[in-house]
Amino acid sequence: MNIKNKILYWVPKILAILFGAFLIVFGGYDDSPGAQGLGLILIIATVVLTVRNRKRKRL
């Protein structure tokens, strides 16, 4: 896997986690539990799907 493929693999995942963190912080300032919940779901889903995908590629 060359560097371009690694960048294209990891950048969207990192951006999704950062956006989830932004939703959690913004939801806290705005006093919106819905935004915080969506941010948490986005972060958890991204991590779970990434780990599951990495395990499948190794097998």
Protein backbone atom coordinates (compact mmCIF):
# COMPACT_ATOMS: atom_id res chain seq x y z
CA MET A 1 0.00 0.00 0.00
CA ASN A 2 1.62 3.23 -1.09
CA ILE A 3 1.36 6.57 0.70
CA LYS A 4 -1.42 7.94 -1.51
CA ASN A 5 -3.68 4.98 -0.76
CA LYS A 6 -2.95 5.25 2.96
CA ILE A 7 -3.88 8.93 2.92
CA LEU A 8 -7.07 8.24 0.99
CA TYR A 9 -7.91 5.46 3.46
CA TRP A 10 -7.33 7.39 6.71
CA VAL A 11 -8.29 11.02 5.95
CA PRO A 12 -12.08 10.47 5.68
CA LYS A 13 -12.07 8.45 8.89
CA ILE A 14 -10.12 11.10 10.77
CA LEU A 15 -12.41 13.83 9.42
CA ALA A 16 -15.50 11.86 10.53
CA ILE A 17 -14.10 11.53 14.07
CA LEU A 18 -13.21 15.23 14.19
CA PHE A 19 -16.68 16.17 12.95
CA GLY A 20 -18.21 13.94 15.63
CA ALA A 21 -16.10 15.68 18.27
CA PHE A 22 -17.22 19.04 16.87
CA LEU A 23 -20.87 17.98 17.16
CA ILE A 24 -20.35 16.94 20.77
CA VAL A 25 -18.70 20.25 21.70
CA PHE A 26 -21.15 22.37 19.69
CA GLY A 27 -24.09 20.45 21.15
CA GLY A 28 -22.77 21.21 24.63
CA TYR A 29 -22.60 24.93 23.93
CA ASP A 30 -25.98 24.94 22.23
CA ASP A 31 -27.50 22.73 24.97
CA SER A 32 -28.62 20.26 22.33
CA PRO A 33 -28.53 16.61 23.40
CA GLY A 34 -29.46 15.53 19.87
CA ALA A 35 -26.29 16.98 18.36
CA GLN A 36 -24.19 15.44 21.12
CA GLY A 37 -25.81 12.05 20.55
CA LEU A 38 -25.24 12.22 16.80
CA GLY A 39 -21.60 13.14 17.36
CA LEU A 40 -21.11 10.22 19.74
CA ILE A 41 -22.83 7.80 17.34
CA LEU A 42 -20.66 9.07 14.47
CA ILE A 43 -17.45 8.56 16.43
CA ILE A 44 -18.41 5.09 17.67
CA ALA A 45 -19.60 3.95 14.24
CA THR A 46 -16.42 5.16 12.56
CA VAL A 47 -14.18 3.39 15.06
CA VAL A 48 -16.17 0.15 14.98
CA LEU A 49 -16.31 0.01 11.18
CA THR A 50 -12.61 0.78 10.88
CA VAL A 51 -11.61 -1.92 13.36
CA ARG A 52 -13.93 -4.46 11.76
CA ASN A 53 -12.62 -3.64 8.28
CA ARG A 54 -8.98 -3.93 9.41
CA LYS A 55 -9.65 -7.35 10.99
CA ARG A 56 -11.30 -8.64 7.82
CA LYS A 57 -8.37 -7.51 5.66
CA ARG A 58 -5.89 -9.39 7.85
CA LEU A 59 -7.75 -12.69 7.60
